[in-house]
């Protein structure tokens, strides 16, 4: 669909005005969009989880969109971290291998090695103890658990896989409030890491712009005295 799709083709969305209007896909930096989407899916998961806990009666299938949103948020945070980290490495002059394509797979653990590279370059310790209930090595183990259950991000979207097998083990039983609390911890750590990465990237870009401005000023001052 083109950027100039006619209102006729989008008449479903061409209704209403005033409070409640939203605009999507307006960012200029891909990594920021991934992070914003990750935060939005996390918030949606928490709203549904809180509603689930608040009611006296619920259906087992009420858990499906909640876990899907949580899992999707984890995936988007990891991809955003690696996209942002890659920019940091490039600005610092590191030669990088062919990047992973964030649109070709839903696996989670494939992004961990990329993330560790950026940690190493920034001299952040992946295995550093923290004051939080989670540490990064714990996060890695829980992400592996999430991937083992739902490697393609479809286990909580469909009852069966494309080949007809059950998407989840039969009679799969879990305590949703506890599981969501663990994933909240994962997401809090990822969100903190993304804030750190984004601040680092912004600082590097500011310094790069400053260096370019200083070089241009120096060139102007020297004028014709410079032989290139």
C-alpha atoms as a PDB file:
ATOM      1  CA  UNK A   1       0.000   0.000   0.000  1.00  0.00           C
ATOM      2  CA  UNK A   2       1.477   3.363  -1.012  1.00  0.00           C
ATOM      3  CA  UNK A   3       2.080   6.343   1.267  1.00  0.00           C
ATOM      4  CA  UNK A   4      -0.654   8.205  -0.615  1.00  0.00           C
ATOM      5  CA  UNK A   5      -3.403   5.637  -0.239  1.00  0.00           C
ATOM      6  CA  UNK A   6      -6.738   7.245  -0.967  1.00  0.00           C
ATOM      7  CA  UNK A   7      -9.282   7.837   1.762  1.00  0.00           C
ATOM      8  CA  UNK A   8     -11.610   5.579  -0.196  1.00  0.00           C
ATOM      9  CA  UNK A   9      -9.321   2.599   0.405  1.00  0.00           C
ATOM     10  CA  UNK A  10      -8.876   3.503   4.080  1.00  0.00           C
ATOM     11  CA  UNK A  11     -12.420   4.542   4.902  1.00  0.00           C
ATOM     12  CA  UNK A  12     -12.391   2.245   7.947  1.00  0.00           C
ATOM     13  CA  UNK A  13      -9.813   4.594   9.522  1.00  0.00           C
ATOM     14  CA  UNK A  14     -11.159   7.807   8.018  1.00  0.00           C
ATOM     15  CA  UNK A  15     -13.730   8.407  10.747  1.00  0.00           C
ATOM     16  CA  UNK A  16     -13.868  10.456  13.920  1.00  0.00           C
ATOM     17  CA  UNK A  17     -11.956  13.470  15.141  1.00  0.00           C
ATOM     18  CA  UNK A  18     -10.838  15.209  18.334  1.00  0.00           C
ATOM     19  CA  UNK A  19      -9.584  13.375  21.412  1.00  0.00           C
ATOM     20  CA  UNK A  20      -8.518   9.855  20.534  1.00  0.00           C
ATOM     21  CA  UNK A  21      -6.723  10.693  17.292  1.00  0.00           C
ATOM     22  CA  UNK A  22      -3.354   8.946  17.022  1.00  0.00           C
ATOM     23  CA  UNK A  23      -0.465   9.067  14.561  1.00  0.00           C
ATOM     24  CA  UNK A  24       1.802   6.109  13.892  1.00  0.00           C
ATOM     25  CA  UNK A  25       4.916   5.571  11.802  1.00  0.00           C
ATOM     26  CA  UNK A  26       6.158   9.140  12.141  1.00  0.00           C
ATOM     27  CA  UNK A  27       9.660   8.520  13.490  1.00  0.00           C
ATOM     28  CA  UNK A  28      12.896   8.993  11.587  1.00  0.00           C
ATOM     29  CA  UNK A  29      15.023   6.509  13.566  1.00  0.00           C
ATOM     30  CA  UNK A  30      14.176   2.819  13.258  1.00  0.00           C
ATOM     31  CA  UNK A  31      15.574   1.869  16.665  1.00  0.00           C
ATOM     32  CA  UNK A  32      13.362   4.454  18.358  1.00  0.00           C
ATOM     33  CA  UNK A  33      10.291   3.036  16.631  1.00  0.00           C
ATOM     34  CA  UNK A  34      11.144  -0.482  17.802  1.00  0.00           C
ATOM     35  CA  UNK A  35      11.559   0.788  21.356  1.00  0.00           C
ATOM     36  CA  UNK A  36       8.308   2.742  21.255  1.00  0.00           C
ATOM     37  CA  UNK A  37       6.440  -0.294  19.968  1.00  0.00           C
ATOM     38  CA  UNK A  38       8.034  -2.457  22.667  1.00  0.00           C
ATOM     39  CA  UNK A  39       6.848  -0.056  25.377  1.00  0.00           C
ATOM     40  CA  UNK A  40       3.353   0.070  23.895  1.00  0.00           C
ATOM     41  CA  UNK A  41       2.979  -3.732  23.827  1.00  0.00           C
ATOM     42  CA  UNK A  42       4.344  -3.969  27.382  1.00  0.00           C
ATOM     43  CA  UNK A  43       1.837  -1.408  28.623  1.00  0.00           C
ATOM     44  CA  UNK A  44      -0.975  -3.221  26.819  1.00  0.00           C
ATOM     45  CA  UNK A  45       0.051  -6.495  28.443  1.00  0.00           C
ATOM     46  CA  UNK A  46       0.065  -4.926  31.900  1.00  0.00           C
ATOM     47  CA  UNK A  47      -3.361  -3.371  31.438  1.00  0.00           C
ATOM     48  CA  UNK A  48      -4.868  -6.713  30.408  1.00  0.00           C
ATOM     49  CA  UNK A  49      -2.987  -8.533  33.187  1.00  0.00           C
ATOM     50  CA  UNK A  50      -4.295  -6.109  35.803  1.00  0.00           C
ATOM     51  CA  UNK A  51      -7.835  -6.542  34.484  1.00  0.00           C
ATOM     52  CA  UNK A  52      -7.356 -10.331  34.610  1.00  0.00           C
ATOM     53  CA  UNK A  53      -6.292 -10.184  38.260  1.00  0.00           C
ATOM     54  CA  UNK A  54      -9.056  -7.754  39.244  1.00  0.00           C
ATOM     55  CA  UNK A  55     -12.029  -9.860  38.119  1.00  0.00           C
ATOM     56  CA  UNK A  56     -13.552 -12.698  40.120  1.00  0.00           C
ATOM     57  CA  UNK A  57     -14.092 -14.940  37.122  1.00  0.00           C
ATOM     58  CA  UNK A  58     -11.957 -15.400  34.030  1.00  0.00           C
ATOM     59  CA  UNK A  59     -11.585 -17.703  31.054  1.00  0.00           C
ATOM     60  CA  UNK A  60      -8.377 -19.674  30.585  1.00  0.00           C
ATOM     61  CA  UNK A  61      -8.044 -18.203  27.092  1.00  0.00           C
ATOM     62  CA  UNK A  62      -7.931 -14.688  28.571  1.00  0.00           C
ATOM     63  CA  UNK A  63      -4.239 -15.417  29.154  1.00  0.00           C
ATOM     64  CA  UNK A  64      -3.493 -15.746  25.427  1.00  0.00           C
ATOM     65  CA  UNK A  65      -3.333 -12.067  24.377  1.00  0.00           C
ATOM     66  CA  UNK A  66      -1.582 -11.166  27.635  1.00  0.00           C
ATOM     67  CA  UNK A  67       1.317 -13.581  27.182  1.00  0.00           C
ATOM     68  CA  UNK A  68       1.513 -12.797  23.463  1.00  0.00           C
ATOM     69  CA  UNK A  69       1.855  -9.064  24.156  1.00  0.00           C
ATOM     70  CA  UNK A  70       4.486  -9.695  26.815  1.00  0.00           C
ATOM     71  CA  UNK A  71       6.468 -11.996  24.567  1.00  0.00           C
ATOM     72  CA  UNK A  72       6.244  -9.606  21.616  1.00  0.00           C
ATOM     73  CA  UNK A  73       7.460  -6.753  23.804  1.00  0.00           C
ATOM     74  CA  UNK A  74      10.534  -8.769  24.818  1.00  0.00           C
ATOM     75  CA  UNK A  75      11.274  -9.455  21.142  1.00  0.00           C
ATOM     76  CA  UNK A  76      10.955  -5.804  20.158  1.00  0.00           C
ATOM     77  CA  UNK A  77      13.125  -4.633  23.058  1.00  0.00           C
ATOM     78  CA  UNK A  78      15.892  -7.040  22.064  1.00  0.00           C
ATOM     79  CA  UNK A  79      15.733  -5.917  18.437  1.00  0.00           C
ATOM     80  CA  UNK A  80      15.712  -2.257  19.421  1.00  0.00           C
ATOM     81  CA  UNK A  81      18.733  -2.773  21.665  1.00  0.00           C
ATOM     82  CA  UNK A  82      20.692  -4.444  18.885  1.00  0.00           C
ATOM     83  CA  UNK A  83      19.740  -1.805  16.311  1.00  0.00           C
ATOM     84  CA  UNK A  84      20.777   0.960  18.693  1.00  0.00           C
ATOM     85  CA  UNK A  85      23.923  -0.896  19.747  1.00  0.00           C
ATOM     86  CA  UNK A  86      24.911  -1.399  16.134  1.00  0.00           C
ATOM     87  CA  UNK A  87      24.780   2.348  15.536  1.00  0.00           C
ATOM     88  CA  UNK A  88      26.983   2.901  18.592  1.00  0.00           C
ATOM     89  CA  UNK A  89      29.556   0.451  17.261  1.00  0.00           C
ATOM     90  CA  UNK A  90      29.520   2.047  13.801  1.00  0.00           C
ATOM     91  CA  UNK A  91      30.054   5.554  15.160  1.00  0.00           C
ATOM     92  CA  UNK A  92      32.964   4.270  17.221  1.00  0.00           C
ATOM     93  CA  UNK A  93      34.563   2.836  14.098  1.00  0.00           C
ATOM     94  CA  UNK A  94      34.009  -0.867  14.686  1.00  0.00           C
ATOM     95  CA  UNK A  95      33.812  -3.133  11.668  1.00  0.00           C
ATOM     96  CA  UNK A  96      30.614  -5.102  11.854  1.00  0.00           C
ATOM     97  CA  UNK A  97      29.475  -8.357  10.345  1.00  0.00           C
ATOM     98  CA  UNK A  98      26.313  -8.680   8.300  1.00  0.00           C
ATOM     99  CA  UNK A  99      23.490  -7.526  10.567  1.00  0.00           C
ATOM    100  CA  UNK A 100      20.657  -9.773  11.635  1.00  0.00           C
ATOM    101  CA  UNK A 101      17.423  -8.919   9.879  1.00  0.00           C
ATOM    102  CA  UNK A 102      14.808  -8.065  12.527  1.00  0.00           C
ATOM    103  CA  UNK A 103      11.969  -8.989  10.172  1.00  0.00           C
ATOM    104  CA  UNK A 104      13.018 -12.498   9.206  1.00  0.00           C
ATOM    105  CA  UNK A 105      12.749 -14.308  12.511  1.00  0.00           C
ATOM    106  CA  UNK A 106      11.036 -14.227  15.870  1.00  0.00           C
ATOM    107  CA  UNK A 107      13.653 -16.062  17.906  1.00  0.00           C
ATOM    108  CA  UNK A 108      14.860 -14.235  20.986  1.00  0.00           C
ATOM    109  CA  UNK A 109      18.227 -15.676  21.963  1.00  0.00           C
ATOM    110  CA  UNK A 110      19.860 -14.877  18.589  1.00  0.00           C
ATOM    111  CA  UNK A 111      20.020 -11.256  19.722  1.00  0.00           C
ATOM    112  CA  UNK A 112      21.871 -11.956  22.969  1.00  0.00           C
ATOM    113  CA  UNK A 113      25.379 -12.309  21.390  1.00  0.00           C
ATOM    114  CA  UNK A 114      24.854  -9.003  19.554  1.00  0.00           C
ATOM    115  CA  UNK A 115      23.825  -7.402  22.813  1.00  0.00           C
ATOM    116  CA  UNK A 116      26.875  -8.740  24.615  1.00  0.00           C
ATOM    117  CA  UNK A 117      29.172  -7.236  21.963  1.00  0.00           C
ATOM    118  CA  UNK A 118      27.845  -3.780  22.717  1.00  0.00           C
ATOM    119  CA  UNK A 119      28.143  -4.375  26.461  1.00  0.00           C
ATOM    120  CA  UNK A 120      31.764  -5.385  25.990  1.00  0.00           C
ATOM    121  CA  UNK A 121      32.539  -2.348  23.851  1.00  0.00           C
ATOM    122  CA  UNK A 122      30.905  -0.022  26.379  1.00  0.00           C
ATOM    123  CA  UNK A 123      32.760  -1.842  29.167  1.00  0.00           C
ATOM    124  CA  UNK A 124      29.474  -2.757  30.806  1.00  0.00           C
ATOM    125  CA  UNK A 125      29.570  -6.112  32.579  1.00  0.00           C
ATOM    126  CA  UNK A 126      26.918  -8.540  31.399  1.00  0.00           C
ATOM    127  CA  UNK A 127      27.437 -10.651  34.519  1.00  0.00           C
ATOM    128  CA  UNK A 128      27.597  -7.725  36.933  1.00  0.00           C
ATOM    129  CA  UNK A 129      25.532  -8.140  40.099  1.00  0.00           C
ATOM    130  CA  UNK A 130      22.844  -5.556  40.637  1.00  0.00           C
ATOM    131  CA  UNK A 131      20.607  -4.290  43.413  1.00  0.00           C
ATOM    132  CA  UNK A 132      17.572  -5.490  41.495  1.00  0.00           C
ATOM    133  CA  UNK A 133      15.904  -8.861  41.895  1.00  0.00           C
ATOM    134  CA  UNK A 134      17.117  -9.791  38.401  1.00  0.00           C
ATOM    135  CA  UNK A 135      20.622  -9.918  37.016  1.00  0.00           C
ATOM    136  CA  UNK A 136      21.470 -10.121  33.347  1.00  0.00           C
ATOM    137  CA  UNK A 137      22.482 -13.802  33.415  1.00  0.00           C
ATOM    138  CA  UNK A 138      19.088 -14.573  34.984  1.00  0.00           C
ATOM    139  CA  UNK A 139      17.439 -12.572  32.221  1.00  0.00           C
ATOM    140  CA  UNK A 140      19.206 -14.696  29.618  1.00  0.00           C
ATOM    141  CA  UNK A 141      17.905 -17.909  31.180  1.00  0.00           C
ATOM    142  CA  UNK A 142      14.314 -16.671  31.308  1.00  0.00           C
ATOM    143  CA  UNK A 143      14.481 -15.458  27.713  1.00  0.00           C
ATOM    144  CA  UNK A 144      15.668 -18.943  26.750  1.00  0.00           C
ATOM    145  CA  UNK A 145      12.662 -20.436  28.568  1.00  0.00           C
ATOM    146  CA  UNK A 146      10.339 -18.090  26.699  1.00  0.00           C
ATOM    147  CA  UNK A 147      11.887 -19.040  23.375  1.00  0.00           C
ATOM    148  CA  UNK A 148      11.814 -22.782  24.142  1.00  0.00           C
ATOM    149  CA  UNK A 149       8.062 -22.506  24.615  1.00  0.00           C
ATOM    150  CA  UNK A 150       7.345 -20.055  21.802  1.00  0.00           C
ATOM    151  CA  UNK A 151      10.224 -19.813  19.313  1.00  0.00           C
ATOM    152  CA  UNK A 152       8.183 -18.363  16.442  1.00  0.00           C
ATOM    153  CA  UNK A 153       5.855 -16.085  18.407  1.00  0.00           C
ATOM    154  CA  UNK A 154       2.822 -18.138  17.427  1.00  0.00           C
ATOM    155  CA  UNK A 155       2.184 -20.392  20.424  1.00  0.00           C
ATOM    156  CA  UNK A 156      -0.224 -17.897  22.010  1.00  0.00           C
ATOM    157  CA  UNK A 157      -1.764 -16.755  18.713  1.00  0.00           C
ATOM    158  CA  UNK A 158      -2.938 -20.078  17.264  1.00  0.00           C
ATOM    159  CA  UNK A 159      -4.104 -23.334  18.837  1.00  0.00           C
ATOM    160  CA  UNK A 160      -2.061 -25.361  16.350  1.00  0.00           C
ATOM    161  CA  UNK A 161       1.106 -24.928  14.291  1.00  0.00           C
ATOM    162  CA  UNK A 162       1.185 -24.887  10.494  1.00  0.00           C
ATOM    163  CA  UNK A 163       1.870 -28.639  10.478  1.00  0.00           C
ATOM    164  CA  UNK A 164      -1.152 -29.340  12.665  1.00  0.00           C
ATOM    165  CA  UNK A 165       0.727 -30.011  15.921  1.00  0.00           C
ATOM    166  CA  UNK A 166      -0.464 -28.352  19.111  1.00  0.00           C
ATOM    167  CA  UNK A 167       1.060 -24.906  19.550  1.00  0.00           C
ATOM    168  CA  UNK A 168       1.380 -25.488  23.310  1.00  0.00           C
ATOM    169  CA  UNK A 169       1.777 -28.723  25.280  1.00  0.00           C
ATOM    170  CA  UNK A 170      -1.535 -30.383  26.047  1.00  0.00           C
ATOM    171  CA  UNK A 171      -3.069 -29.260  29.362  1.00  0.00           C
ATOM    172  CA  UNK A 172      -0.390 -26.554  29.672  1.00  0.00           C
ATOM    173  CA  UNK A 173      -0.877 -25.136  33.161  1.00  0.00           C
ATOM    174  CA  UNK A 174       0.767 -21.979  34.547  1.00  0.00           C
ATOM    175  CA  UNK A 175       0.088 -19.186  37.041  1.00  0.00           C
ATOM    176  CA  UNK A 176      -0.361 -16.067  34.931  1.00  0.00           C
ATOM    177  CA  UNK A 177       0.285 -13.454  37.668  1.00  0.00           C
ATOM    178  CA  UNK A 178       3.625 -15.083  38.555  1.00  0.00           C
ATOM    179  CA  UNK A 179       4.708 -15.517  34.941  1.00  0.00           C
ATOM    180  CA  UNK A 180       3.805 -11.920  34.091  1.00  0.00           C
ATOM    181  CA  UNK A 181       5.710 -10.684  37.157  1.00  0.00           C
ATOM    182  CA  UNK A 182       8.851 -12.460  35.905  1.00  0.00           C
ATOM    183  CA  UNK A 183       8.455 -11.023  32.407  1.00  0.00           C
ATOM    184  CA  UNK A 184       7.909  -7.572  33.905  1.00  0.00           C
ATOM    185  CA  UNK A 185      11.328  -7.931  35.547  1.00  0.00           C
ATOM    186  CA  UNK A 186      12.875  -8.932  32.217  1.00  0.00           C
ATOM    187  CA  UNK A 187      11.310  -5.941  30.519  1.00  0.00           C
ATOM    188  CA  UNK A 188      12.382  -3.519  33.232  1.00  0.00           C
ATOM    189  CA  UNK A 189      15.993  -4.608  32.716  1.00  0.00           C
ATOM    190  CA  UNK A 190      15.708  -4.370  28.922  1.00  0.00           C
ATOM    191  CA  UNK A 191      14.076  -0.962  29.175  1.00  0.00           C
ATOM    192  CA  UNK A 192      16.883   0.291  31.440  1.00  0.00           C
ATOM    193  CA  UNK A 193      19.484  -1.058  28.994  1.00  0.00           C
ATOM    194  CA  UNK A 194      17.733   0.668  26.096  1.00  0.00           C
ATOM    195  CA  UNK A 195      17.718   3.967  27.982  1.00  0.00           C
ATOM    196  CA  UNK A 196      21.458   3.583  28.529  1.00  0.00           C
ATOM    197  CA  UNK A 197      22.103   2.684  24.896  1.00  0.00           C
ATOM    198  CA  UNK A 198      19.977   5.580  23.623  1.00  0.00           C
ATOM    199  CA  UNK A 199      21.729   8.085  25.883  1.00  0.00           C
ATOM    200  CA  UNK A 200      25.119   6.778  24.738  1.00  0.00           C
ATOM    201  CA  UNK A 201      24.108   7.024  21.078  1.00  0.00           C
ATOM    202  CA  UNK A 202      22.784  10.556  21.499  1.00  0.00           C
ATOM    203  CA  UNK A 203      26.012  11.632  23.229  1.00  0.00           C
ATOM    204  CA  UNK A 204      28.112  10.112  20.463  1.00  0.00           C
ATOM    205  CA  UNK A 205      26.047  11.868  17.803  1.00  0.00           C
ATOM    206  CA  UNK A 206      26.362  15.171  19.670  1.00  0.00           C
ATOM    207  CA  UNK A 207      30.147  14.775  19.832  1.00  0.00           C
ATOM    208  CA  UNK A 208      30.305  13.795  16.164  1.00  0.00           C
ATOM    209  CA  UNK A 209      28.305  16.891  15.203  1.00  0.00           C
ATOM    210  CA  UNK A 210      30.514  19.046  17.441  1.00  0.00           C
ATOM    211  CA  UNK A 211      33.704  17.644  15.890  1.00  0.00           C
ATOM    212  CA  UNK A 212      32.373  18.299  12.381  1.00  0.00           C
ATOM    213  CA  UNK A 213      31.397  21.849  13.312  1.00  0.00           C
ATOM    214  CA  UNK A 214      34.824  22.513  14.829  1.00  0.00           C
ATOM    215  CA  UNK A 215      36.557  21.139  11.732  1.00  0.00           C
ATOM    216  CA  UNK A 216      34.465  23.355   9.466  1.00  0.00           C
ATOM    217  CA  UNK A 217      35.197  26.406  11.625  1.00  0.00           C
ATOM    218  CA  UNK A 218      38.909  25.601  11.593  1.00  0.00           C
ATOM    219  CA  UNK A 219      38.814  25.272   7.785  1.00  0.00           C
ATOM    220  CA  UNK A 220      37.039  28.622   7.421  1.00  0.00           C
ATOM    221  CA  UNK A 221      39.595  30.344   9.653  1.00  0.00           C
ATOM    222  CA  UNK A 222      42.539  28.985   7.687  1.00  0.00           C
ATOM    223  CA  UNK A 223      40.951  29.813   4.361  1.00  0.00           C
ATOM    224  CA  UNK A 224      43.372  29.890   1.454  1.00  0.00           C
ATOM    225  CA  UNK A 225      46.344  29.075   3.673  1.00  0.00           C
ATOM    226  CA  UNK A 226      45.400  25.403   3.569  1.00  0.00           C
ATOM    227  CA  UNK A 227      46.769  23.289   0.747  1.00  0.00           C
ATOM    228  CA  UNK A 228      44.682  20.160   0.185  1.00  0.00           C
END
